[in-house]
Every structure is written in C-alpha cells, then in structure tokens.
C-alpha cells in the first residue's frame, strides 16, 4: 500500500481558474459562435442532401463519412469579433447568447451569414449596455445632489410670504370668518355651535 495519497493532504487544492471574467466572457461567446456555425453547416448539408435525394431518387448518405468543416472565419474577422466580445460585460453574456440563439432559430441563416448575425447581436448588446449606463449615470447624479438644493431650477414666479393676497388660517380666526370648505376627499369636522 502506498502512502503517497496520505502525504498529499497538506498540499493546496488545485486552482480552478485564474482567468478574468472578461476572458471567460470572450471564450464563452466565441465557443457559442463556433457551435452555431457547426450547427448551421450541418443543417445546410442536410438540406443539400435532401434536395439531392429528391432530384436523384437515391440516398447514398450512409456511405459518406462526416465531412470536415467547409467554412471558417478569417483571422481578421475572428480578431474583430473577439474585440467586440471583449467589450461585453459579464452580466450581458447570457442575454447575448439567448438573443443569438433566438435569431438563429428564427432565420436559419447560411453558415457564411452566422458571423454577421453574431456581430449584429453583439452590437445590440453594446447599445443596450450604453443606454443602461447613461440611465444609471443620470439616476446617480440625481441621487447625489444635495437635498433641498434647487439651485439648478430657475423659477419664473417669486413667492413672497408676506403678500397680502395669500390667505392664512390665522387671518380667518382673527376676523372670525369661517374657513373655506375643505376638498371633497377630506371630511369636514365642525364643533357644534353654542347659542
């Protein structure tokens, strides 16, 4: 019996991942693109085989081995897509993948069109990120403003607390006149008059 497993108990556990969230998002999105391109190519091959079978009336697909991928991204196009993927925040990675899958299911594009569709989805996500960031900045600016400070608002009418045309309750009491009736939503409470 070997004692080596017993002697390793004090070693540090292996680290799972030292990649940053941005690298993980980039890898996830590019893997999704590669998977969708393979699926589009498979569907395109099945459609062409079905058309060939209908035209010739013979099915030789059982003789054929799985073909190698016929379409691949150019290095420049791959770098451009990776650059756009690197800008995606990790919280938007899932919604971007879901939107891409939804468009793939709806449109069933050819394999050459998949990268362009992917880029358009990434641009949509970047626009949404930008809009939400601007909205967040506006709400943050509003919440950081000191309370009671209305310096940015310009008033056109000035309010003078000592103007004579403003009626107060104390004036009504002093003059012994009844106050104006209350609004309909408020009940009116009056003390019974003593004669």
C-alpha atoms as a PDB file:
ATOM      1  CA  UNK A   1       0.000   0.000   0.000  1.00  0.00           C
ATOM      2  CA  UNK A   2       1.311   3.400  -0.991  1.00  0.00           C
ATOM      3  CA  UNK A   3       1.482   6.281   1.480  1.00  0.00           C
ATOM      4  CA  UNK A   4       1.698   8.980  -1.182  1.00  0.00           C
ATOM      5  CA  UNK A   5      -2.042   9.858  -1.086  1.00  0.00           C
ATOM      6  CA  UNK A   6      -1.786  10.276   2.684  1.00  0.00           C
ATOM      7  CA  UNK A   7       1.219  12.557   2.422  1.00  0.00           C
ATOM      8  CA  UNK A   8      -0.512  14.935  -0.020  1.00  0.00           C
ATOM      9  CA  UNK A   9      -3.224  16.031   2.390  1.00  0.00           C
ATOM     10  CA  UNK A  10      -1.474  19.273   3.245  1.00  0.00           C
ATOM     11  CA  UNK A  11      -0.941  20.389  -0.350  1.00  0.00           C
ATOM     12  CA  UNK A  12      -3.034  23.262  -1.642  1.00  0.00           C
ATOM     13  CA  UNK A  13      -6.041  22.213  -3.736  1.00  0.00           C
ATOM     14  CA  UNK A  14      -5.651  22.801  -7.459  1.00  0.00           C
ATOM     15  CA  UNK A  15      -6.848  26.220  -8.565  1.00  0.00           C
ATOM     16  CA  UNK A  16      -9.917  26.085 -10.727  1.00  0.00           C
ATOM     17  CA  UNK A  17      -9.342  29.077 -12.918  1.00  0.00           C
ATOM     18  CA  UNK A  18      -7.109  32.112 -12.939  1.00  0.00           C
ATOM     19  CA  UNK A  19      -8.858  33.731 -15.886  1.00  0.00           C
ATOM     20  CA  UNK A  20     -10.519  37.081 -15.594  1.00  0.00           C
ATOM     21  CA  UNK A  21     -14.284  37.473 -16.151  1.00  0.00           C
ATOM     22  CA  UNK A  22     -13.610  39.282 -19.440  1.00  0.00           C
ATOM     23  CA  UNK A  23     -11.567  36.330 -20.740  1.00  0.00           C
ATOM     24  CA  UNK A  24     -14.306  33.921 -19.704  1.00  0.00           C
ATOM     25  CA  UNK A  25     -16.946  36.017 -21.491  1.00  0.00           C
ATOM     26  CA  UNK A  26     -14.777  36.156 -24.614  1.00  0.00           C
ATOM     27  CA  UNK A  27     -14.233  32.400 -24.582  1.00  0.00           C
ATOM     28  CA  UNK A  28     -17.916  31.649 -23.923  1.00  0.00           C
ATOM     29  CA  UNK A  29     -19.149  33.889 -26.728  1.00  0.00           C
ATOM     30  CA  UNK A  30     -16.614  32.581 -29.240  1.00  0.00           C
ATOM     31  CA  UNK A  31     -17.471  28.965 -28.319  1.00  0.00           C
ATOM     32  CA  UNK A  32     -21.145  29.785 -28.885  1.00  0.00           C
ATOM     33  CA  UNK A  33     -20.323  31.243 -32.296  1.00  0.00           C
ATOM     34  CA  UNK A  34     -18.286  28.169 -33.258  1.00  0.00           C
ATOM     35  CA  UNK A  35     -21.073  25.835 -32.115  1.00  0.00           C
ATOM     36  CA  UNK A  36     -23.742  27.752 -34.021  1.00  0.00           C
ATOM     37  CA  UNK A  37     -21.558  27.770 -37.147  1.00  0.00           C
ATOM     38  CA  UNK A  38     -21.166  23.975 -36.928  1.00  0.00           C
ATOM     39  CA  UNK A  39     -24.909  23.582 -36.478  1.00  0.00           C
ATOM     40  CA  UNK A  40     -25.677  25.891 -39.423  1.00  0.00           C
ATOM     41  CA  UNK A  41     -23.239  23.954 -41.573  1.00  0.00           C
ATOM     42  CA  UNK A  42     -24.838  20.637 -40.542  1.00  0.00           C
ATOM     43  CA  UNK A  43     -28.315  21.959 -41.379  1.00  0.00           C
ATOM     44  CA  UNK A  44     -27.093  23.308 -44.699  1.00  0.00           C
ATOM     45  CA  UNK A  45     -25.530  19.923 -45.532  1.00  0.00           C
ATOM     46  CA  UNK A  46     -28.774  18.116 -44.582  1.00  0.00           C
ATOM     47  CA  UNK A  47     -30.813  20.437 -46.800  1.00  0.00           C
ATOM     48  CA  UNK A  48     -28.492  19.887 -49.765  1.00  0.00           C
ATOM     49  CA  UNK A  49     -28.592  16.109 -49.192  1.00  0.00           C
ATOM     50  CA  UNK A  50     -32.396  16.187 -49.088  1.00  0.00           C
ATOM     51  CA  UNK A  51     -32.517  18.155 -52.346  1.00  0.00           C
ATOM     52  CA  UNK A  52     -30.037  15.754 -53.965  1.00  0.00           C
ATOM     53  CA  UNK A  53     -32.073  12.767 -52.760  1.00  0.00           C
ATOM     54  CA  UNK A  54     -35.252  14.255 -54.212  1.00  0.00           C
ATOM     55  CA  UNK A  55     -33.539  15.024 -57.530  1.00  0.00           C
ATOM     56  CA  UNK A  56     -31.775  11.665 -57.972  1.00  0.00           C
ATOM     57  CA  UNK A  57     -34.175   9.440 -56.045  1.00  0.00           C
ATOM     58  CA  UNK A  58     -31.220   7.601 -54.448  1.00  0.00           C
ATOM     59  CA  UNK A  59     -29.808   8.044 -50.932  1.00  0.00           C
ATOM     60  CA  UNK A  60     -26.080   7.449 -50.614  1.00  0.00           C
ATOM     61  CA  UNK A  61     -25.672   9.419 -47.397  1.00  0.00           C
ATOM     62  CA  UNK A  62     -24.945   6.244 -45.438  1.00  0.00           C
ATOM     63  CA  UNK A  63     -21.733   5.829 -47.472  1.00  0.00           C
ATOM     64  CA  UNK A  64     -20.387   9.268 -46.736  1.00  0.00           C
ATOM     65  CA  UNK A  65     -18.273   9.982 -43.680  1.00  0.00           C
ATOM     66  CA  UNK A  66     -18.653  13.194 -41.712  1.00  0.00           C
ATOM     67  CA  UNK A  67     -17.105  15.938 -43.826  1.00  0.00           C
ATOM     68  CA  UNK A  68     -14.678  18.441 -42.445  1.00  0.00           C
ATOM     69  CA  UNK A  69     -15.963  21.963 -41.860  1.00  0.00           C
ATOM     70  CA  UNK A  70     -16.061  23.821 -45.154  1.00  0.00           C
ATOM     71  CA  UNK A  71     -16.301  27.336 -43.740  1.00  0.00           C
ATOM     72  CA  UNK A  72     -14.113  29.038 -41.166  1.00  0.00           C
ATOM     73  CA  UNK A  73     -13.652  32.625 -40.054  1.00  0.00           C
ATOM     74  CA  UNK A  74     -10.757  34.563 -41.467  1.00  0.00           C
ATOM     75  CA  UNK A  75      -8.136  35.632 -38.872  1.00  0.00           C
ATOM     76  CA  UNK A  76      -9.063  39.306 -39.314  1.00  0.00           C
ATOM     77  CA  UNK A  77     -12.764  38.625 -38.840  1.00  0.00           C
ATOM     78  CA  UNK A  78     -12.032  36.481 -35.776  1.00  0.00           C
ATOM     79  CA  UNK A  79      -9.944  39.265 -34.235  1.00  0.00           C
ATOM     80  CA  UNK A  80     -12.695  41.823 -34.871  1.00  0.00           C
ATOM     81  CA  UNK A  81     -15.301  39.600 -33.237  1.00  0.00           C
ATOM     82  CA  UNK A  82     -13.022  38.931 -30.276  1.00  0.00           C
ATOM     83  CA  UNK A  83     -12.514  42.672 -29.877  1.00  0.00           C
ATOM     84  CA  UNK A  84     -16.273  43.237 -29.735  1.00  0.00           C
ATOM     85  CA  UNK A  85     -16.757  40.266 -27.373  1.00  0.00           C
ATOM     86  CA  UNK A  86     -14.145  41.706 -25.006  1.00  0.00           C
ATOM     87  CA  UNK A  87     -16.336  44.808 -24.539  1.00  0.00           C
ATOM     88  CA  UNK A  88     -19.335  42.778 -23.327  1.00  0.00           C
ATOM     89  CA  UNK A  89     -19.909  42.956 -19.571  1.00  0.00           C
ATOM     90  CA  UNK A  90     -20.260  39.507 -17.907  1.00  0.00           C
ATOM     91  CA  UNK A  91     -23.854  40.234 -16.857  1.00  0.00           C
ATOM     92  CA  UNK A  92     -24.813  40.692 -20.539  1.00  0.00           C
ATOM     93  CA  UNK A  93     -23.185  37.464 -21.767  1.00  0.00           C
ATOM     94  CA  UNK A  94     -26.233  35.270 -21.091  1.00  0.00           C
ATOM     95  CA  UNK A  95     -28.764  37.613 -22.720  1.00  0.00           C
ATOM     96  CA  UNK A  96     -26.453  37.968 -25.745  1.00  0.00           C
ATOM     97  CA  UNK A  97     -26.302  34.188 -26.183  1.00  0.00           C
ATOM     98  CA  UNK A  98     -30.059  33.840 -25.785  1.00  0.00           C
ATOM     99  CA  UNK A  99     -30.716  36.565 -28.381  1.00  0.00           C
ATOM    100  CA  UNK A 100     -28.241  34.971 -30.792  1.00  0.00           C
ATOM    101  CA  UNK A 101     -29.868  31.542 -30.419  1.00  0.00           C
ATOM    102  CA  UNK A 102     -33.313  33.066 -30.907  1.00  0.00           C
ATOM    103  CA  UNK A 103     -32.262  34.759 -34.161  1.00  0.00           C
ATOM    104  CA  UNK A 104     -30.547  31.581 -35.361  1.00  0.00           C
ATOM    105  CA  UNK A 105     -33.749  29.601 -34.795  1.00  0.00           C
ATOM    106  CA  UNK A 106     -35.920  32.235 -36.481  1.00  0.00           C
ATOM    107  CA  UNK A 107     -33.755  32.983 -39.517  1.00  0.00           C
ATOM    108  CA  UNK A 108     -31.912  29.679 -40.107  1.00  0.00           C
ATOM    109  CA  UNK A 109     -29.050  31.507 -41.878  1.00  0.00           C
ATOM    110  CA  UNK A 110     -26.415  30.006 -44.134  1.00  0.00           C
ATOM    111  CA  UNK A 111     -23.092  29.314 -42.459  1.00  0.00           C
ATOM    112  CA  UNK A 112     -21.498  32.353 -44.141  1.00  0.00           C
ATOM    113  CA  UNK A 113     -24.111  34.662 -42.567  1.00  0.00           C
ATOM    114  CA  UNK A 114     -23.707  33.418 -38.979  1.00  0.00           C
ATOM    115  CA  UNK A 115     -20.736  35.652 -38.121  1.00  0.00           C
ATOM    116  CA  UNK A 116     -22.541  38.749 -39.426  1.00  0.00           C
ATOM    117  CA  UNK A 117     -25.632  37.859 -37.393  1.00  0.00           C
ATOM    118  CA  UNK A 118     -23.436  37.324 -34.327  1.00  0.00           C
ATOM    119  CA  UNK A 119     -21.813  40.731 -34.797  1.00  0.00           C
ATOM    120  CA  UNK A 120     -25.232  42.410 -35.049  1.00  0.00           C
ATOM    121  CA  UNK A 121     -26.333  40.761 -31.790  1.00  0.00           C
ATOM    122  CA  UNK A 122     -23.153  41.949 -30.071  1.00  0.00           C
ATOM    123  CA  UNK A 123     -23.767  45.499 -31.352  1.00  0.00           C
ATOM    124  CA  UNK A 124     -27.326  45.369 -29.967  1.00  0.00           C
ATOM    125  CA  UNK A 125     -25.984  44.299 -26.582  1.00  0.00           C
ATOM    126  CA  UNK A 126     -23.351  47.055 -26.588  1.00  0.00           C
ATOM    127  CA  UNK A 127     -26.032  49.656 -27.395  1.00  0.00           C
ATOM    128  CA  UNK A 128     -28.222  48.354 -24.563  1.00  0.00           C
ATOM    129  CA  UNK A 129     -25.227  48.464 -22.190  1.00  0.00           C
ATOM    130  CA  UNK A 130     -24.536  52.066 -23.212  1.00  0.00           C
ATOM    131  CA  UNK A 131     -28.171  53.128 -22.733  1.00  0.00           C
ATOM    132  CA  UNK A 132     -28.416  51.493 -19.316  1.00  0.00           C
ATOM    133  CA  UNK A 133     -25.099  53.028 -18.262  1.00  0.00           C
ATOM    134  CA  UNK A 134     -26.313  56.506 -19.260  1.00  0.00           C
ATOM    135  CA  UNK A 135     -29.586  55.981 -17.399  1.00  0.00           C
ATOM    136  CA  UNK A 136     -27.625  54.804 -14.366  1.00  0.00           C
ATOM    137  CA  UNK A 137     -25.414  57.914 -14.532  1.00  0.00           C
ATOM    138  CA  UNK A 138     -28.482  60.155 -14.634  1.00  0.00           C
ATOM    139  CA  UNK A 139     -30.078  58.478 -11.629  1.00  0.00           C
ATOM    140  CA  UNK A 140     -26.771  58.563  -9.771  1.00  0.00           C
ATOM    141  CA  UNK A 141     -26.383  62.289 -10.485  1.00  0.00           C
ATOM    142  CA  UNK A 142     -29.912  62.911  -9.264  1.00  0.00           C
ATOM    143  CA  UNK A 143     -29.399  60.881  -6.083  1.00  0.00           C
ATOM    144  CA  UNK A 144     -26.030  62.517  -5.311  1.00  0.00           C
ATOM    145  CA  UNK A 145     -27.495  66.022  -5.483  1.00  0.00           C
ATOM    146  CA  UNK A 146     -27.755  67.653  -2.020  1.00  0.00           C
ATOM    147  CA  UNK A 147     -31.251  67.571  -0.594  1.00  0.00           C
ATOM    148  CA  UNK A 148     -33.087  70.864  -0.572  1.00  0.00           C
ATOM    149  CA  UNK A 149     -30.816  72.345  -3.221  1.00  0.00           C
ATOM    150  CA  UNK A 150     -32.882  73.668  -6.047  1.00  0.00           C
ATOM    151  CA  UNK A 151     -30.123  75.817  -7.479  1.00  0.00           C
ATOM    152  CA  UNK A 152     -30.383  74.297 -10.920  1.00  0.00           C
ATOM    153  CA  UNK A 153     -34.068  75.080 -11.290  1.00  0.00           C
ATOM    154  CA  UNK A 154     -34.981  78.551 -12.464  1.00  0.00           C
ATOM    155  CA  UNK A 155     -38.209  79.882 -11.101  1.00  0.00           C
ATOM    156  CA  UNK A 156     -40.236  82.375 -13.045  1.00  0.00           C
ATOM    157  CA  UNK A 157     -42.579  83.424 -10.272  1.00  0.00           C
ATOM    158  CA  UNK A 158     -41.293  84.630  -6.961  1.00  0.00           C
ATOM    159  CA  UNK A 159     -43.095  83.680  -3.799  1.00  0.00           C
ATOM    160  CA  UNK A 160     -43.395  86.319  -1.154  1.00  0.00           C
ATOM    161  CA  UNK A 161     -44.610  85.022   2.218  1.00  0.00           C
ATOM    162  CA  UNK A 162     -45.775  88.460   3.333  1.00  0.00           C
ATOM    163  CA  UNK A 163     -48.029  89.220   0.373  1.00  0.00           C
ATOM    164  CA  UNK A 164     -51.499  90.377   1.330  1.00  0.00           C
ATOM    165  CA  UNK A 165     -53.407  88.217  -1.166  1.00  0.00           C
ATOM    166  CA  UNK A 166     -52.370  84.947   0.494  1.00  0.00           C
ATOM    167  CA  UNK A 167     -54.994  83.833   2.986  1.00  0.00           C
ATOM    168  CA  UNK A 168     -53.964  82.030   6.125  1.00  0.00           C
ATOM    169  CA  UNK A 169     -55.926  80.224   8.798  1.00  0.00           C
ATOM    170  CA  UNK A 170     -54.825  82.716  11.432  1.00  0.00           C
ATOM    171  CA  UNK A 171     -56.417  85.562   9.446  1.00  0.00           C
ATOM    172  CA  UNK A 172     -59.712  83.670   9.345  1.00  0.00           C
ATOM    173  CA  UNK A 173     -59.600  83.152  13.093  1.00  0.00           C
ATOM    174  CA  UNK A 174     -58.750  86.773  13.744  1.00  0.00           C
ATOM    175  CA  UNK A 175     -61.585  88.027  11.509  1.00  0.00           C
ATOM    176  CA  UNK A 176     -63.982  85.413  12.879  1.00  0.00           C
ATOM    177  CA  UNK A 177     -64.919  84.251   9.420  1.00  0.00           C
ATOM    178  CA  UNK A 178     -65.480  80.597   8.627  1.00  0.00           C
ATOM    179  CA  UNK A 179     -62.655  78.933   6.694  1.00  0.00           C
ATOM    180  CA  UNK A 180     -63.320  77.900   3.134  1.00  0.00           C
ATOM    181  CA  UNK A 181     -64.833  74.428   2.734  1.00  0.00           C
ATOM    182  CA  UNK A 182     -62.376  71.581   2.532  1.00  0.00           C
ATOM    183  CA  UNK A 183     -61.735  69.470  -0.512  1.00  0.00           C
ATOM    184  CA  UNK A 184     -64.242  66.732  -1.315  1.00  0.00           C
ATOM    185  CA  UNK A 185     -61.844  63.985  -0.299  1.00  0.00           C
ATOM    186  CA  UNK A 186     -61.416  65.354   3.215  1.00  0.00           C
ATOM    187  CA  UNK A 187     -64.181  65.095   5.814  1.00  0.00           C
ATOM    188  CA  UNK A 188     -65.297  68.286   7.417  1.00  0.00           C
ATOM    189  CA  UNK A 189     -65.280  68.424  11.190  1.00  0.00           C
ATOM    190  CA  UNK A 190     -67.047  71.301  12.916  1.00  0.00           C
ATOM    191  CA  UNK A 191     -67.712  71.827  16.505  1.00  0.00           C
ATOM    192  CA  UNK A 192     -71.373  72.326  17.375  1.00  0.00           C
ATOM    193  CA  UNK A 193     -72.307  75.993  17.833  1.00  0.00           C
ATOM    194  CA  UNK A 194     -73.327  77.025  21.282  1.00  0.00           C
ATOM    195  CA  UNK A 195     -76.107  79.593  21.377  1.00  0.00           C
END
